[in-house]
Protein backbone atom coordinates (compact mmCIF):
# COMPACT_ATOMS: atom_id res chain seq x y z
CA MET A 1 0.19 0.06 -0.09
CA LYS A 2 1.53 3.59 -0.97
CA ILE A 3 0.20 6.89 -0.60
CA THR A 4 1.07 9.36 -3.22
CA ASN A 5 3.17 12.45 -2.47
CA LYS A 6 0.25 14.44 -3.67
CA ALA A 7 -2.16 13.11 -1.23
CA VAL A 8 0.10 13.61 1.58
CA SER A 9 0.76 17.17 0.23
CA SER A 10 -3.42 17.85 0.09
CA ILE A 11 -3.69 16.12 3.76
CA GLU A 12 -0.78 18.52 4.81
CA ILE A 13 -2.28 21.70 3.85
CA ILE A 14 -5.78 20.70 5.31
CA ILE A 15 -3.70 19.76 8.80
CA TYR A 16 -1.66 23.02 8.73
CA TYR A 17 -4.60 25.76 8.12
CA THR A 18 -7.07 23.89 10.71
CA GLY A 19 -4.04 23.61 13.07
CA TYR A 20 -3.79 27.84 12.52
CA ILE A 21 -7.21 27.82 13.22
CA ILE A 22 -7.08 26.12 16.63
CA LEU A 23 -4.18 28.08 17.48
CA GLY A 24 -6.57 31.33 16.95
CA MET A 25 -9.39 30.11 19.14
CA ALA A 26 -6.89 28.85 21.83
CA SER A 27 -5.24 32.06 22.14
CA LEU A 28 -8.78 33.70 22.83
CA MET A 29 -8.79 31.54 26.33
CA LEU A 30 -6.65 34.11 27.60
CA ILE A 31 -9.78 36.48 28.11
CA PRO A 32 -11.55 34.22 30.50
CA ILE A 33 -7.94 33.42 32.13
CA LEU A 34 -7.79 37.11 32.37
CA THR A 35 -11.27 37.53 33.80
CA SER A 36 -11.23 34.79 36.15
CA LEU A 37 -7.65 36.05 37.41
CA LEU A 38 -9.05 39.45 38.02
CA LEU A 39 -12.21 38.56 39.78
CA ALA A 40 -10.19 35.68 41.74
CA GLU A 41 -12.00 32.63 40.36
CA TRP A 42 -9.25 29.97 40.87
CA SER A 43 -10.74 27.15 39.89
CA PRO A 44 -11.97 28.06 36.81
CA LEU A 45 -8.84 29.74 35.95
CA LEU A 46 -7.27 26.15 36.47
CA ASP A 47 -9.76 24.86 34.29
CA PHE A 48 -8.79 27.45 31.31
CA ILE A 49 -4.92 27.01 31.92
CA THR A 50 -5.46 23.40 31.32
CA SER A 51 -7.82 23.70 28.36
CA MET A 52 -5.77 26.28 26.66
CA SER A 53 -2.57 24.16 26.85
CA ILE A 54 -4.30 21.05 25.51
CA THR A 55 -5.93 23.25 22.64
CA MET A 56 -2.53 24.79 21.75
CA LEU A 57 -0.65 21.50 21.96
CA VAL A 58 -3.20 20.04 19.22
CA GLY A 59 -2.97 23.38 17.41
CA CYS A 60 1.03 23.42 17.15
CA SER A 61 1.32 19.73 16.71
CA MET A 62 -0.71 20.19 13.26
CA VAL A 63 0.72 23.19 12.22
CA LEU A 64 4.05 21.69 12.56
CA LEU A 65 2.98 18.52 10.83
CA GLY A 66 1.63 20.65 8.15
CA LYS A 67 4.57 23.29 7.63
CA ARG A 68 6.80 21.56 5.19
CA THR A 69 3.83 21.55 2.40
CA HIS A 70 2.94 25.43 3.42
CA GLN A 71 6.47 26.25 3.05
CA ARG A 72 6.65 25.17 -0.28
CA SER A 73 3.90 27.36 -1.18
CA ALA A 74 1.48 24.62 -2.23
CA ASN A 75 -1.32 25.18 -4.16
CA ILE A 76 -4.35 25.11 -2.26
CA GLN A 77 -7.74 24.25 -3.96
CA TRP A 78 -11.47 24.61 -3.30
CA LYS A 79 -11.77 21.21 -1.43
CA HIS A 80 -8.81 22.22 1.04
CA GLY A 81 -10.61 25.42 2.21
CA PHE A 82 -13.91 23.70 2.67
CA VAL A 83 -12.59 20.69 4.49
CA ALA A 84 -10.08 22.54 6.37
CA ALA A 85 -13.16 25.06 7.60
CA ALA A 86 -15.73 22.18 8.27
CA LEU A 87 -12.57 20.28 10.14
CA SER A 88 -11.80 23.00 12.69
CA TRP A 89 -15.01 23.49 13.62
CA LEU A 90 -15.51 20.00 14.29
CA LEU A 91 -12.42 19.61 16.10
CA LEU A 92 -12.75 22.81 18.02
CA THR A 93 -16.03 21.59 19.13
CA PHE A 94 -14.36 18.82 21.67
CA LEU A 95 -11.75 21.10 22.51
CA CYS A 96 -13.56 24.22 23.50
CA ALA A 97 -15.81 21.73 25.54
CA ILE A 98 -13.22 21.06 27.97
CA PRO A 99 -13.91 24.17 30.25
CA TYR A 100 -17.37 23.11 30.42
CA LEU A 101 -16.72 19.61 31.39
CA LEU A 102 -14.31 20.73 34.23
CA SER A 103 -16.58 23.10 35.66
CA GLY A 104 -18.82 20.49 36.31
CA HIS A 105 -22.07 22.48 35.19
CA THR A 106 -22.80 19.70 32.40
CA ASN A 107 -24.09 16.56 33.19
CA SER A 108 -21.15 14.62 30.35
CA TYR A 109 -19.01 15.69 27.41
CA LEU A 110 -21.71 15.40 25.01
CA ASP A 111 -23.52 17.91 26.72
CA ALA A 112 -20.35 20.12 26.81
CA CYS A 113 -20.16 19.68 23.22
CA PHE A 114 -23.91 20.34 22.40
CA ASP A 115 -23.30 23.64 24.31
CA VAL A 116 -20.23 24.61 22.37
CA MET A 117 -21.72 23.67 19.15
CA SER A 118 -24.66 25.84 20.08
CA GLY A 119 -22.40 28.71 20.72
CA PHE A 120 -20.22 28.22 17.44
CA THR A 121 -23.34 28.18 15.42
CA THR A 122 -24.75 30.88 17.10
CA THR A 123 -27.85 28.87 18.21
CA GLY A 124 -28.14 29.65 21.75
CA LEU A 125 -29.84 26.34 23.00
CA SER A 126 -28.34 24.94 26.22
CA LEU A 127 -27.98 22.07 28.43
CA THR A 128 -25.52 23.74 30.95
CA GLN A 129 -26.69 23.50 34.39
CA ASP A 130 -27.36 25.86 36.97
CA LEU A 131 -26.57 29.15 34.54
CA ASP A 132 -27.66 31.34 37.77
CA HIS A 133 -24.27 30.41 39.38
CA LEU A 134 -21.84 30.06 36.66
CA SER A 135 -18.44 31.73 37.12
CA VAL A 136 -18.29 34.91 35.21
CA GLY A 137 -15.05 33.41 33.67
CA LEU A 138 -17.13 30.48 32.17
CA ASN A 139 -19.88 32.86 31.17
CA MET A 140 -17.05 35.07 29.18
CA TRP A 141 -16.36 31.96 27.42
CA ARG A 142 -19.82 30.88 26.47
CA HIS A 143 -20.25 34.25 25.04
CA ILE A 144 -17.28 34.54 23.60
CA LEU A 145 -17.63 31.45 21.56
CA THR A 146 -21.00 32.73 20.49
CA PHE A 147 -19.30 36.09 19.31
CA ILE A 148 -16.53 34.18 17.40
CA GLY A 149 -19.00 31.77 15.77
CA GLY A 150 -20.97 34.60 14.27
CA GLN A 151 -18.11 35.93 12.57
CA GLY A 152 -16.75 33.06 11.93
CA MET A 153 -13.40 31.28 13.18
CA VAL A 154 -12.13 31.31 9.73
CA VAL A 155 -12.41 35.20 9.44
CA LEU A 156 -10.68 35.50 12.67
CA ALA A 157 -7.56 33.23 11.52
CA LEU A 158 -7.56 35.21 8.23
CA SER A 159 -7.50 38.65 9.67
CA PHE A 160 -3.93 37.45 11.34
CA MET A 161 -2.45 35.29 8.66
CA ALA A 162 0.65 36.42 6.89
CA LYS A 163 0.89 38.27 3.92
CA GLY A 164 0.75 36.58 0.61
CA THR A 165 -1.24 33.67 1.89
CA SER A 166 -2.61 32.12 -1.45
CA GLY A 167 -5.86 30.41 -1.82
CA ALA A 168 -7.32 32.34 1.27
CA TYR A 169 -10.64 32.88 -0.31
CA LYS A 170 -11.23 29.29 -0.56
CA PHE A 171 -11.07 28.93 3.45
CA TYR A 172 -13.52 31.80 3.59
CA VAL A 173 -15.99 30.49 1.48
CA GLY A 174 -15.57 27.56 3.13
CA GLU A 175 -17.32 28.98 6.35
CA ALA A 176 -20.44 29.84 4.16
CA LYS A 177 -19.41 33.46 3.42
CA ASP A 178 -18.73 34.97 0.00
CA ILE A 179 -19.15 38.40 0.29
CA GLU A 180 -16.01 40.31 -1.06
CA LEU A 181 -16.32 44.13 0.78
CA VAL A 182 -12.68 44.79 -0.79
CA PRO A 183 -10.56 42.42 -3.25
CA ASN A 184 -8.29 41.35 -0.70
CA VAL A 185 -9.96 38.68 1.43
CA LYS A 186 -7.78 39.09 4.29
CA GLY A 187 -8.86 42.93 3.96
CA THR A 188 -12.39 41.60 3.76
CA ALA A 189 -12.00 39.65 7.20
CA ARG A 190 -10.45 42.82 8.69
CA ILE A 191 -13.55 44.94 7.94
CA ILE A 192 -15.67 42.26 9.30
CA TRP A 193 -13.78 42.53 12.31
CA LYS A 194 -13.79 46.35 12.41
CA ILE A 195 -17.64 46.67 11.90
CA SER A 196 -18.13 44.05 14.89
CA LEU A 197 -15.96 46.06 17.20
CA VAL A 198 -17.51 49.61 16.51
CA TYR A 199 -20.75 47.88 17.27
CA LEU A 200 -19.57 45.99 20.20
CA ILE A 201 -18.50 49.64 21.85
CA ILE A 202 -21.74 51.40 20.99
CA GLY A 203 -24.03 48.52 21.82
CA THR A 204 -22.00 47.51 25.21
CA LEU A 205 -22.31 51.10 26.16
CA ALA A 206 -25.83 51.40 25.82
CA LEU A 207 -26.65 48.27 27.46
CA TRP A 208 -24.42 49.16 30.13
CA ILE A 209 -26.27 52.48 30.78
CA ASP A 210 -29.61 50.93 30.70
CA GLY A 211 -28.61 47.96 33.08
CA ILE A 212 -27.40 50.73 35.51
CA MET A 213 -30.85 52.55 35.23
CA ILE A 214 -33.00 49.26 35.75
CA GLY A 215 -30.98 48.67 38.97
CA LEU A 216 -27.97 46.50 38.46
CA LYS A 217 -24.48 47.10 39.88
CA PRO A 218 -22.00 49.16 37.54
CA LEU A 219 -19.60 46.10 37.57
CA SER A 220 -22.49 43.44 36.98
CA ALA A 221 -24.20 45.85 34.66
CA PHE A 222 -21.17 45.91 32.70
CA PHE A 223 -20.82 42.14 32.39
CA HIS A 224 -24.32 41.60 31.70
CA ALA A 225 -24.16 44.32 28.93
CA LEU A 226 -21.07 42.90 27.09
CA PHE A 227 -22.52 39.16 27.23
CA ILE A 228 -25.93 40.37 25.98
CA PHE A 229 -24.47 42.30 23.27
CA PHE A 230 -22.05 39.34 22.26
CA SER A 231 -25.57 37.36 21.88
CA SER A 232 -27.84 40.00 20.26
CA TRP A 233 -24.81 41.02 17.62
CA SER A 234 -23.84 37.50 16.66
CA THR A 235 -27.77 36.45 16.95
CA GLY A 236 -26.64 33.89 19.55
CA GLY A 237 -29.45 33.71 21.96
CA PHE A 238 -27.23 32.77 24.93
CA ALA A 239 -27.81 34.58 28.18
CA PRO A 240 -25.96 34.99 31.79
CA MET A 241 -28.66 34.04 33.84
CA SER A 242 -31.25 31.18 33.29
CA ASN A 243 -34.40 33.31 32.48
CA ASN A 244 -32.89 34.55 29.55
CA ILE A 245 -33.94 38.07 28.67
CA MET A 246 -36.88 38.03 31.12
CA TYR A 247 -34.26 38.29 33.63
CA TYR A 248 -33.94 42.12 33.37
CA HIS A 249 -37.79 42.82 33.49
CA SER A 250 -37.47 45.93 31.24
CA LEU A 251 -39.04 47.17 27.92
CA SER A 252 -35.87 49.39 27.39
CA TYR A 253 -33.55 46.52 27.50
CA GLU A 254 -35.44 44.41 25.44
CA THR A 255 -35.69 47.63 22.90
CA VAL A 256 -32.08 47.96 22.68
CA THR A 257 -31.20 44.29 22.03
CA LEU A 258 -33.92 44.38 19.34
CA VAL A 259 -32.05 46.83 17.67
CA ILE A 260 -29.00 45.40 17.75
CA PHE A 261 -29.95 41.75 16.80
CA ILE A 262 -31.36 43.09 14.03
CA LEU A 263 -28.40 45.02 12.81
CA GLY A 264 -26.75 41.84 13.30
CA SER A 265 -28.61 39.64 11.04
CA LEU A 266 -27.91 41.97 8.12
CA ASN A 267 -25.18 41.18 5.49
CA PHE A 268 -21.87 42.64 6.36
CA GLY A 269 -21.77 43.88 3.01
CA LEU A 270 -24.94 46.08 3.93
CA HIS A 271 -23.12 47.44 6.63
CA TYR A 272 -20.22 48.50 4.59
CA ALA A 273 -22.26 50.00 1.91
CA ILE A 274 -23.93 51.98 4.36
CA TRP A 275 -20.58 53.11 5.91
CA LYS A 276 -19.19 54.05 2.71
CA GLY A 277 -22.35 56.44 2.49
CA ASN A 278 -24.25 54.35 -0.08
CA ARG A 279 -27.52 54.39 2.14
CA ASN A 280 -29.80 53.68 -1.03
CA GLU A 281 -28.50 50.11 -0.75
CA LEU A 282 -30.71 49.41 2.25
CA ILE A 283 -33.74 50.26 0.00
CA LYS A 284 -32.77 48.49 -2.79
CA ASN A 285 -31.28 45.30 -1.69
CA ILE A 286 -33.01 42.36 -2.14
CA GLU A 287 -32.30 40.67 1.36
CA THR A 288 -33.45 43.79 3.08
CA GLN A 289 -36.91 43.85 0.82
CA SER A 290 -37.42 40.24 1.77
CA PHE A 291 -36.80 40.76 5.34
CA LEU A 292 -39.28 43.65 5.58
CA VAL A 293 -42.06 41.81 3.96
CA THR A 294 -41.46 38.68 5.67
CA SER A 295 -41.06 40.17 8.99
CA PHE A 296 -44.16 42.19 8.65
CA LEU A 297 -46.10 39.50 7.34
CA ALA A 298 -44.85 37.02 10.23
CA CYS A 299 -45.65 39.68 13.03
CA VAL A 300 -49.28 40.80 11.66
CA LEU A 301 -50.30 36.98 11.30
CA ALA A 302 -48.88 36.41 14.90
CA LEU A 303 -50.71 39.03 16.03
CA PHE A 304 -53.96 38.37 14.58
CA GLY A 305 -53.52 34.74 15.38
CA LEU A 306 -52.95 35.24 19.18
CA SER A 307 -55.64 38.08 19.42
CA LYS A 308 -58.22 35.43 18.98
CA LEU A 309 -56.95 33.38 22.17
CA ASN A 310 -56.71 36.92 24.06
CA VAL A 311 -53.40 35.94 25.74
CA TYR A 312 -51.63 39.55 25.42
CA PRO A 313 -54.69 41.85 25.77
CA ASP A 314 -52.42 45.25 25.41
CA ALA A 315 -50.25 46.65 23.08
CA VAL A 316 -47.35 47.02 25.20
CA SER A 317 -47.53 42.86 26.15
CA ALA A 318 -48.11 42.31 22.35
CA PHE A 319 -44.99 43.99 21.44
CA ARG A 320 -42.90 42.63 24.18
CA ARG A 321 -44.51 39.00 23.73
CA ILE A 322 -45.42 38.47 20.68
CA ILE A 323 -43.49 41.02 18.01
CA TYR A 324 -40.46 40.48 20.15
CA ASN A 325 -40.27 36.66 19.91
CA VAL A 326 -41.21 36.70 16.15
CA LEU A 327 -38.34 38.98 15.46
CA SER A 328 -35.94 37.33 17.55
CA ALA A 329 -36.76 33.78 15.55
CA HIS A 330 -36.58 35.73 12.50
CA THR A 331 -33.26 36.92 12.60
CA THR A 332 -32.22 33.63 14.41
CA THR A 333 -31.48 35.36 17.49
CA GLY A 334 -33.37 32.76 19.96
CA PHE A 335 -33.65 35.69 22.91
CA GLY A 336 -37.11 34.50 24.72
CA SER A 337 -39.46 36.93 26.47
CA ILE A 338 -41.29 33.85 27.48
CA TYR A 339 -40.80 30.51 29.25
CA ALA A 340 -40.35 27.75 26.85
CA ARG A 341 -43.47 25.99 27.97
CA GLN A 342 -45.84 29.23 27.26
CA PHE A 343 -45.11 28.62 22.99
CA ALA A 344 -46.81 25.39 23.73
CA LEU A 345 -49.46 26.24 26.14
CA GLU A 346 -50.68 30.00 24.92
CA TRP A 347 -49.51 30.21 21.49
CA GLY A 348 -51.39 27.43 19.62
CA ASP A 349 -50.70 25.96 16.50
CA PHE A 350 -51.26 29.13 14.37
CA GLY A 351 -48.56 30.74 16.47
CA ILE A 352 -46.32 27.80 16.40
CA PHE A 353 -46.63 27.38 12.58
CA ILE A 354 -45.69 31.22 12.05
CA MET A 355 -42.81 30.71 14.36
CA ILE A 356 -41.45 27.64 12.40
CA ILE A 357 -41.57 29.37 9.03
CA VAL A 358 -39.71 32.48 10.35
CA MET A 359 -37.01 30.41 12.07
CA LEU A 360 -36.51 28.31 8.78
CA ILE A 361 -36.07 31.68 6.50
CA GLY A 362 -33.67 33.43 8.75
CA GLY A 363 -31.49 36.35 8.39
CA SER A 364 -29.41 37.44 5.96
CA ALA A 365 -26.43 35.85 3.88
CA CYS A 366 -22.96 36.44 5.10
CA SER A 367 -24.18 37.96 8.32
CA THR A 368 -24.22 36.19 11.59
CA ALA A 369 -27.62 34.95 11.50
CA GLY A 370 -28.67 31.13 10.30
CA GLY A 371 -31.46 29.76 8.58
CA PHE A 372 -31.91 29.58 4.63
CA LYS A 373 -31.61 33.23 4.18
CA GLY A 374 -33.55 36.36 2.72
CA LEU A 375 -31.41 36.26 -0.26
CA ARG A 376 -32.11 33.02 -1.49
CA VAL A 377 -36.21 33.52 -0.69
CA GLY A 378 -35.82 36.63 -2.93
CA ILE A 379 -34.11 34.86 -5.63
CA VAL A 380 -36.21 32.05 -5.55
CA PHE A 381 -39.25 34.58 -5.69
CA LYS A 382 -37.94 36.63 -8.42
CA GLY A 383 -37.00 33.36 -10.11
CA LEU A 384 -40.69 32.41 -10.36
CA LEU A 385 -41.88 35.73 -11.47
CA ARG A 386 -39.26 35.83 -14.17
CA ASP A 387 -40.54 32.67 -15.46
CA VAL A 388 -44.03 33.54 -15.57
CA LYS A 389 -43.04 36.95 -17.42
CA LYS A 390 -40.95 34.70 -19.79
CA ILE A 391 -44.33 32.78 -20.19
CA LEU A 392 -46.47 35.87 -21.02
CA SER A 393 -43.93 37.75 -23.27
CA SER A 394 -43.26 37.26 -26.72
CA GLU A 395 -40.54 34.29 -27.62
CA ARG A 396 -38.54 37.04 -29.29
CA ASN A 397 -38.12 38.73 -25.86
CA MET A 398 -34.54 38.18 -24.79
CA ARG A 399 -34.87 40.33 -21.82
CA VAL A 400 -32.05 39.80 -19.17
CA PHE A 401 -33.31 39.84 -15.58
CA LYS A 402 -31.47 41.21 -12.62
CA TYR A 403 -31.76 41.23 -8.69
CA HIS A 404 -29.58 43.96 -6.69
CA HIS A 405 -27.41 42.60 -3.83
CA ILE A 406 -24.84 45.26 -3.14
CA LYS A 407 -24.73 45.22 -7.08
CA ASP A 408 -26.98 44.59 -9.81
CA ASN A 409 -26.56 40.68 -10.79
CA ILE A 410 -27.93 38.52 -13.49
CA LEU A 411 -30.67 36.51 -12.44
CA SER A 412 -29.47 33.31 -13.93
CA ASP A 413 -30.74 29.46 -13.96
CA GLU A 414 -27.76 28.40 -12.02
CA ILE A 415 -28.25 31.18 -8.87
CA ILE A 416 -31.78 29.90 -8.86
CA CYS A 417 -31.11 26.19 -8.74
CA SER A 418 -28.20 26.68 -6.45
CA SER A 419 -30.63 28.60 -3.98
CA SER A 420 -33.11 26.16 -4.47
CA ILE A 421 -30.99 23.21 -3.74
CA ILE A 422 -29.96 24.83 -0.15
CA ILE A 423 -33.49 25.31 0.46
CA ILE A 424 -34.29 21.62 -0.23
CA CYS A 425 -31.09 20.58 2.04
CA TYR A 426 -32.59 23.03 5.08
CA ILE A 427 -36.02 21.38 4.87
CA VAL A 428 -34.94 17.77 4.41
CA LEU A 429 -32.77 18.21 7.69
CA PHE A 430 -35.60 20.21 9.41
CA SER A 431 -37.94 17.20 8.32
CA THR A 432 -35.65 14.86 9.85
CA GLY A 433 -35.19 16.43 13.07
CA THR A 434 -39.17 16.64 13.27
CA LEU A 435 -39.49 13.02 12.60
CA LEU A 436 -36.72 12.24 15.08
CA GLY A 437 -38.41 14.10 17.59
CA VAL A 438 -41.84 12.34 17.19
CA TYR A 439 -40.22 8.95 17.36
CA TYR A 440 -38.80 9.73 20.70
CA GLY A 441 -42.68 10.40 21.77
CA TYR A 442 -42.62 14.27 21.78
CA PRO A 443 -45.77 15.99 20.17
CA LEU A 444 -45.58 16.86 16.58
CA ALA A 445 -46.01 20.40 16.91
CA SER A 446 -43.04 20.82 20.09
CA SER A 447 -40.82 18.08 17.70
CA ALA A 448 -41.38 20.67 14.59
CA PHE A 449 -40.58 23.98 16.78
CA GLU A 450 -37.41 22.52 18.50
CA SER A 451 -36.36 21.15 14.94
CA ALA A 452 -36.95 24.34 13.04
CA SER A 453 -34.87 26.19 16.00
CA VAL A 454 -32.10 24.00 15.81
CA THR A 455 -31.88 23.72 11.86
CA GLY A 456 -32.35 27.57 11.46
CA ASN A 457 -29.52 28.24 14.33
CA VAL A 458 -32.17 30.13 16.38
CA GLY A 459 -32.13 29.05 20.03
CA LEU A 460 -35.56 29.44 21.13
CA SER A 461 -37.01 26.24 22.76
CA ILE A 462 -40.26 24.91 23.17
CA GLY A 463 -38.89 22.53 26.05
CA VAL A 464 -37.55 19.71 23.98
CA THR A 465 -33.99 20.56 24.51
CA ALA A 466 -33.22 19.54 28.26
CA PRO A 467 -30.24 17.31 29.78
CA THR A 468 -32.83 14.44 29.87
CA MET A 469 -33.78 14.01 26.12
CA PRO A 470 -32.27 10.93 24.45
CA ALA A 471 -28.16 11.00 23.55
CA PHE A 472 -29.01 10.31 19.89
CA LEU A 473 -31.35 13.27 19.75
CA LYS A 474 -28.89 15.67 21.08
CA ILE A 475 -26.01 14.06 18.68
CA TYR A 476 -28.49 14.86 16.01
CA TYR A 477 -29.54 18.37 16.96
CA ILE A 478 -25.33 18.87 17.05
CA LEU A 479 -25.02 17.65 13.58
CA ALA A 480 -28.15 19.69 12.70
CA MET A 481 -26.66 23.00 14.00
CA TYR A 482 -23.29 22.23 12.49
CA MET A 483 -24.72 21.73 9.00
CA GLY A 484 -27.14 24.51 9.31
CA ARG A 485 -24.51 26.90 10.33
CA LEU A 486 -21.92 26.05 7.44
CA GLU A 487 -24.90 25.66 4.68
CA PHE A 488 -24.16 22.14 3.95
CA LEU A 489 -21.25 22.11 1.49
CA SER A 490 -18.47 22.01 3.61
CA ILE A 491 -19.49 19.27 5.59
CA PHE A 492 -20.72 17.39 2.33
CA THR A 493 -16.87 18.06 1.19
CA LEU A 494 -15.25 16.99 4.51
CA ILE A 495 -17.66 13.60 4.07
CA GLY A 496 -16.61 12.96 0.23
CA TYR A 497 -12.68 13.50 0.84
CA ALA A 498 -12.95 11.03 3.93
CA MET A 499 -14.47 8.71 2.08
CA GLY A 500 -12.62 9.24 -0.95
CA GLY A 501 -9.41 8.64 1.06
CA ILE A 502 -10.85 5.41 2.80
CA LYS A 503 -11.59 4.31 -0.56
CA LYS A 504 -8.33 4.85 -1.86
CA LEU A 505 -6.58 2.96 0.95
CA TRP A 506 -9.00 0.03 0.65
CA VAL A 507 -8.35 -0.49 -3.13
CA LYS A 508 -4.75 -0.36 -2.70
CA SER A 509 -4.62 -2.52 0.63
């Protein structure tokens, strides 16, 4: 049995860049280490020092193993970028779960991995126990994971990669991002982080001031503001307390988070265009048009549907309990202003159906949001209108149909087909999760709600997600979050690459 130099070179490229991404995440453990040190949280401090040492060891080993090929300026192909992106997310899930496990706040390593994947994918479902008594250091780590996951681990690594890295765009696209803000992909990655950091300062300050005004102590208000911003901007849904956003009992606090998570769900390209002075893009863009239409219809339908049940009789409660939750679901944020079981007991089948639809649609492409994205919904809808117009028009009419997304783009059959395929993949993933939930004895509506939340990386729960749920369902939810966030192609490429390697080894043996 002989493995070719070409195969070895390909594996080394993937190993090198995967190790590089792992080292980037390992370095971020310095933040909870410093937090624990400053607050004299000695047990969490030791947990993170141990975790960082293990993660650094794995990352350094992989970089050293693949360094030879990297130094020879290897030819980076699309498969390398996609496989490295998918593999790094998978390995980091196991490595970043170590602090959870050592803390004693999870029942098992599987539960710890569930929470890490939930953070990375900005889903926000949690199996961590006793959130109200979690150390600040571990809470910091939870929210860093969701903040980094929203922007992307590969985007973080590209921001600090050495000059002259060839094929960087292939790694960038492998993380389900395809917007080019500037010609250089490293520059694009840095702009994404600059946008996020500017909003970080503004959003945290606004929430900090609001937190003090509603009665939190200044230091506590700061940490709450920072954590809630991380989750809002990254449309992540994690919160430092078990009652989620209800802990604050504040209309103003909820309103600030609403503004932040709507901004977080918008395309980074749209943010950049507005920053550059092109404010018309906000109106012309197909994604904002799609979001305005679907969110308006969803809110109106939910208000009318729940008015029949007379659960939230006044305008303020309707805004805080209905509109807030619908928009939280639509942007895939997952902040809940009601208890999980209230969806099942108070919203009825119609309200649950609306929530399922908006959770699956999600936010914008190349944002921090999940779901199959407003861009694809808009493209498929425009494609349908295009075909109807073609049938009604003269056969000699060779009109070119376009859609506007940062720039005018041709509405080709290839674009419509690729958008439709991704939507179908999401529907299959959602349907499988629903079927599995029903198999384990959960009601159909509850199974569908939870599956939509997992598939769309939302994080709202109807009560299915719990430490006591079957282990296989936990594993499926982890995979569903993973596939939904990376939008399938990277994971399919990783599976194909692994299967191809196994097949070659089998044949040659």
